[in-house]
Amino acid sequence: MASMTAATIRTRGARIKATPLAVAIPLASLLVCNMADIVTTRRLLGMGGREMNPVAGWLIANNGLFLAKLLVVLMIGVAAVLSQPKRWVIASMWIAASFYAAIIAFHMIQLGLAP
């Protein structure tokens, strides 16, 4: 298993410290965003909306969306911990969390516009 000690990465003269917290915070953000996506999606579906993602639609129909999202975040977390500490790993998690935050914002706008 990978060591959870801090490692320093040098990129173009800058030093980046890859600590467990540097991985945990974007991972927790990703988990929270995925759970918020489930809640807002269910609310919109309850109001007559429809799922645009066919994979998510199938998972919703078969009651597997929560477990699938949880497993994906778990796999990302394991991969981030086991990988060599690299700047792009942490940045990629922040990008994914930002993508889900944008989806949640879109859902909130839709919920705010609903009658």
Protein backbone atom coordinates (compact mmCIF):
# COMPACT_ATOMS: atom_id res chain seq x y z
CA MET A 1 0.00 0.00 0.00
CA ALA A 2 1.20 3.50 -0.71
CA SER A 3 2.73 5.56 2.02
CA MET A 4 0.61 8.43 3.28
CA THR A 5 3.64 10.60 4.07
CA ALA A 6 4.05 13.98 2.45
CA ALA A 7 6.01 14.10 -0.78
CA THR A 8 7.39 17.14 -2.53
CA ILE A 9 7.04 17.42 -6.29
CA ARG A 10 9.17 19.79 -8.32
CA THR A 11 7.64 21.26 -11.45
CA ARG A 12 9.37 24.09 -13.28
CA GLY A 13 11.01 25.34 -10.13
CA ALA A 14 7.81 25.33 -8.05
CA ARG A 15 7.44 22.91 -5.18
CA ILE A 16 4.11 21.24 -4.57
CA LYS A 17 3.53 19.32 -1.38
CA ALA A 18 1.31 16.29 -1.96
CA THR A 19 -0.11 15.52 1.47
CA PRO A 20 -3.00 13.27 2.43
CA LEU A 21 -5.05 16.43 2.98
CA ALA A 22 -4.23 17.64 -0.53
CA VAL A 23 -5.90 14.47 -1.82
CA ALA A 24 -8.68 14.25 0.78
CA ILE A 25 -10.16 17.72 0.25
CA PRO A 26 -10.84 17.45 -3.51
CA LEU A 27 -11.95 13.85 -3.01
CA ALA A 28 -14.44 14.91 -0.32
CA SER A 29 -15.62 17.73 -2.60
CA LEU A 30 -16.14 15.21 -5.38
CA LEU A 31 -18.14 12.94 -3.07
CA VAL A 32 -20.33 15.81 -1.80
CA CYS A 33 -20.95 17.04 -5.35
CA ASN A 34 -21.93 13.56 -6.54
CA MET A 35 -24.38 13.15 -3.67
CA ALA A 36 -25.84 16.62 -4.34
CA ASP A 37 -26.19 15.64 -8.00
CA ILE A 38 -28.26 12.60 -6.96
CA VAL A 39 -30.51 14.69 -4.70
CA THR A 40 -31.13 17.43 -7.27
CA THR A 41 -31.62 14.92 -10.10
CA ARG A 42 -34.22 13.00 -8.08
CA ARG A 43 -36.02 16.24 -7.26
CA LEU A 44 -36.11 17.26 -10.93
CA LEU A 45 -37.30 13.82 -11.99
CA GLY A 46 -40.03 14.02 -9.35
CA MET A 47 -41.15 17.28 -10.94
CA GLY A 48 -41.51 15.69 -14.36
CA GLY A 49 -37.99 16.20 -15.74
CA ARG A 50 -36.06 13.51 -17.54
CA GLU A 51 -32.50 12.26 -17.31
CA MET A 52 -30.42 13.24 -20.34
CA ASN A 53 -27.55 10.82 -19.62
CA PRO A 54 -28.57 7.33 -20.84
CA VAL A 55 -26.20 5.55 -18.44
CA ALA A 56 -27.49 7.52 -15.46
CA GLY A 57 -31.05 6.94 -16.70
CA TRP A 58 -30.48 3.19 -16.69
CA LEU A 59 -28.89 3.34 -13.23
CA ILE A 60 -31.81 5.38 -11.90
CA ALA A 61 -34.33 2.94 -13.37
CA ASN A 62 -32.47 0.06 -11.70
CA ASN A 63 -31.83 1.83 -8.37
CA GLY A 64 -28.07 1.78 -8.85
CA LEU A 65 -27.12 5.45 -9.21
CA PHE A 66 -26.07 6.00 -5.60
CA LEU A 67 -23.91 2.88 -5.47
CA ALA A 68 -22.35 3.57 -8.89
CA LYS A 69 -21.41 7.13 -7.95
CA LEU A 70 -20.04 5.98 -4.61
CA LEU A 71 -17.92 3.30 -6.29
CA VAL A 72 -16.55 5.75 -8.87
CA VAL A 73 -15.46 8.20 -6.16
CA LEU A 74 -13.96 5.31 -4.18
CA MET A 75 -11.98 4.15 -7.23
CA ILE A 76 -10.73 7.70 -7.84
CA GLY A 77 -9.66 7.94 -4.20
CA VAL A 78 -7.82 4.62 -4.28
CA ALA A 79 -6.11 5.54 -7.54
CA ALA A 80 -5.08 8.95 -6.14
CA VAL A 81 -3.62 7.39 -2.99
CA LEU A 82 -1.80 4.59 -4.81
CA SER A 83 -0.40 6.78 -7.59
CA GLN A 84 2.86 8.62 -7.29
CA PRO A 85 2.12 12.12 -6.02
CA LYS A 86 1.73 14.20 -9.13
CA ARG A 87 0.26 17.64 -9.56
CA TRP A 88 -2.16 16.59 -12.32
CA VAL A 89 -3.84 13.96 -10.10
CA ILE A 90 -5.00 16.54 -7.58
CA ALA A 91 -5.83 19.06 -10.30
CA SER A 92 -7.91 16.44 -12.12
CA MET A 93 -9.96 15.77 -9.00
CA TRP A 94 -10.64 19.50 -8.63
CA ILE A 95 -11.68 19.70 -12.29
CA ALA A 96 -14.10 16.77 -11.85
CA ALA A 97 -15.55 18.32 -8.68
CA SER A 98 -15.95 21.65 -10.51
CA PHE A 99 -17.76 19.89 -13.36
CA TYR A 100 -20.24 18.37 -10.90
CA ALA A 101 -20.62 21.73 -9.12
CA ALA A 102 -21.61 23.27 -12.46
CA ILE A 103 -24.19 20.51 -12.99
CA ILE A 104 -25.60 21.15 -9.52
CA ALA A 105 -25.77 24.88 -10.24
CA PHE A 106 -27.67 24.11 -13.45
CA HIS A 107 -30.04 21.86 -11.49
CA MET A 108 -30.58 24.57 -8.88
CA ILE A 109 -31.45 27.07 -11.62
CA GLN A 110 -33.95 24.59 -13.05
CA LEU A 111 -35.44 23.99 -9.61
CA GLY A 112 -35.69 27.75 -9.05
CA LEU A 113 -37.51 28.26 -12.34
CA ALA A 114 -39.98 25.41 -11.75
CA PRO A 115 -43.55 26.43 -10.97
